[in-house]
Amino acid sequence: MNAALLDADADANALKLSRACAALWTATLALMTAFMQNPAPAHRLLIARKIAKNLKVLHEQDCFTLECRMIFSNLAQRWTANADLLARQEDQSRGGFGLLTPALAKTR
C-alpha cells in the first residue's frame, strides 16, 4: 500500500475514534444528569456503576490530552466509590439481601 493511503486511513480512524469518544463523553454527562434526577437507590447504583465504567474507558483513550485523561481517571475513582457506597446502603436497607446478591433475592 501507498504511504499516503496509510496516512489517510490512520487519519480517518483517528477521526472516528475522536467522534466515538465525544459521543461517549456526551452520553456519560447525560447519565450524570439521570443520576441526579433519579430518586430510586437501585437505579442510582446502576447508573453510578455505568458512569464509572464509561469514565474508565475515556481515561484509556489517546484522543484526549493527558490532563483530561487524568481528570477522567479521578472521576472514575469517585464514581466507583459512590457506587460502592450506594451498594452498601442498598444492601443494608434490604437486610443484607441487596443488589449484590440477586440469586438470594429471587429465591425468597
Protein backbone atom coordinates (compact mmCIF):
# COMPACT_ATOMS: atom_id res chain seq x y z
CA MET A 1 0.00 0.00 0.00
CA ASN A 2 0.95 3.58 -0.55
CA ALA A 3 2.20 5.62 2.46
CA ALA A 4 -0.29 8.39 1.68
CA LEU A 5 -3.12 5.84 1.70
CA LEU A 6 -1.97 4.51 5.07
CA ASP A 7 -1.82 8.04 6.47
CA ALA A 8 -5.32 8.72 5.17
CA ASP A 9 -6.60 5.53 6.84
CA ALA A 10 -4.89 6.46 10.11
CA ASP A 11 -6.41 9.96 9.96
CA ALA A 12 -9.86 8.54 9.23
CA ASN A 13 -9.56 6.10 12.12
CA ALA A 14 -8.36 8.84 14.46
CA LEU A 15 -11.34 10.98 13.47
CA LYS A 16 -13.74 8.07 14.08
CA LEU A 17 -12.18 7.42 17.50
CA SER A 18 -12.41 11.09 18.39
CA ARG A 19 -16.10 11.20 17.44
CA ALA A 20 -16.82 7.99 19.36
CA CYS A 21 -15.06 9.39 22.44
CA ALA A 22 -17.01 12.63 22.21
CA ALA A 23 -20.25 10.64 21.95
CA LEU A 24 -19.32 8.52 24.97
CA TRP A 25 -18.48 11.65 26.97
CA THR A 26 -21.84 13.20 26.00
CA ALA A 27 -23.67 10.02 26.99
CA THR A 28 -21.81 9.97 30.31
CA LEU A 29 -22.88 13.55 31.02
CA ALA A 30 -26.47 12.51 30.28
CA LEU A 31 -26.09 9.63 32.75
CA MET A 32 -24.84 12.06 35.38
CA THR A 33 -27.98 14.13 34.84
CA ALA A 34 -30.14 11.00 35.12
CA PHE A 35 -28.34 10.06 38.33
CA MET A 36 -29.17 13.41 39.90
CA GLN A 37 -32.81 13.26 38.84
CA ASN A 38 -33.50 9.65 39.84
CA PRO A 39 -34.55 9.10 43.46
CA ALA A 40 -34.57 5.26 43.32
CA PRO A 41 -31.48 3.92 45.12
CA ALA A 42 -31.20 0.79 42.98
CA HIS A 43 -31.33 2.82 39.76
CA ARG A 44 -28.82 5.33 41.11
CA LEU A 45 -26.46 2.45 41.91
CA LEU A 46 -26.66 1.04 38.39
CA ILE A 47 -26.25 4.47 36.82
CA ALA A 48 -23.23 5.25 39.03
CA ARG A 49 -21.58 1.97 38.00
CA LYS A 50 -22.15 2.74 34.31
CA ILE A 51 -20.75 6.26 34.72
CA ALA A 52 -17.62 4.85 36.40
CA LYS A 53 -17.15 2.31 33.58
CA ASN A 54 -17.57 4.98 30.91
CA LEU A 55 -15.06 7.24 32.62
CA LYS A 56 -12.54 4.38 32.82
CA VAL A 57 -12.92 3.82 29.07
CA LEU A 58 -12.49 7.53 28.39
CA HIS A 59 -9.36 7.58 30.55
CA GLU A 60 -7.79 4.94 28.29
CA GLN A 61 -8.31 6.85 25.02
CA ASP A 62 -5.43 8.61 23.30
CA CYS A 63 -7.71 11.14 21.64
CA PHE A 64 -7.78 13.18 24.88
CA THR A 65 -4.92 15.14 26.41
CA LEU A 66 -3.02 13.62 29.30
CA GLU A 67 -4.55 16.18 31.67
CA CYS A 68 -8.06 15.32 30.50
CA ARG A 69 -7.35 11.61 30.87
CA MET A 70 -6.19 12.16 34.45
CA ILE A 71 -9.42 14.01 35.18
CA PHE A 72 -11.38 11.07 33.76
CA SER A 73 -9.36 8.72 35.98
CA ASN A 74 -10.09 10.79 39.10
CA LEU A 75 -13.77 10.99 38.21
CA ALA A 76 -13.91 7.24 37.60
CA GLN A 77 -12.47 6.64 41.06
CA ARG A 78 -15.01 8.99 42.64
CA TRP A 79 -17.95 7.40 40.82
CA THR A 80 -16.73 3.91 41.72
CA ALA A 81 -16.55 4.96 45.38
CA ASN A 82 -20.02 6.49 45.07
CA ALA A 83 -21.39 3.26 43.56
CA ASP A 84 -19.75 1.22 46.33
CA LEU A 85 -21.35 3.45 48.96
CA LEU A 86 -24.75 3.14 47.28
CA ALA A 87 -24.33 -0.66 47.11
CA ARG A 88 -23.63 -0.82 50.86
CA GLN A 89 -26.62 1.40 51.60
CA GLU A 90 -28.86 -0.67 49.33
CA ASP A 91 -27.62 -3.88 50.93
CA GLN A 92 -28.30 -2.53 54.43
CA SER A 93 -31.77 -1.30 53.51
CA ARG A 94 -32.69 -4.81 52.32
CA GLY A 95 -31.41 -6.54 55.43
CA GLY A 96 -28.28 -7.85 53.74
CA PHE A 97 -30.06 -9.08 50.61
CA GLY A 98 -29.45 -6.16 48.26
CA LEU A 99 -28.38 -5.88 44.66
CA LEU A 100 -25.11 -7.64 45.39
CA THR A 101 -26.93 -10.93 45.98
CA PRO A 102 -29.61 -11.19 43.27
CA ALA A 103 -29.73 -15.01 43.40
CA LEU A 104 -30.75 -14.96 47.04
CA ALA A 105 -33.35 -12.28 46.45
CA LYS A 106 -35.01 -14.39 43.75
CA THR A 107 -35.33 -17.46 45.96
CA ARG A 108 -37.37 -15.70 48.63
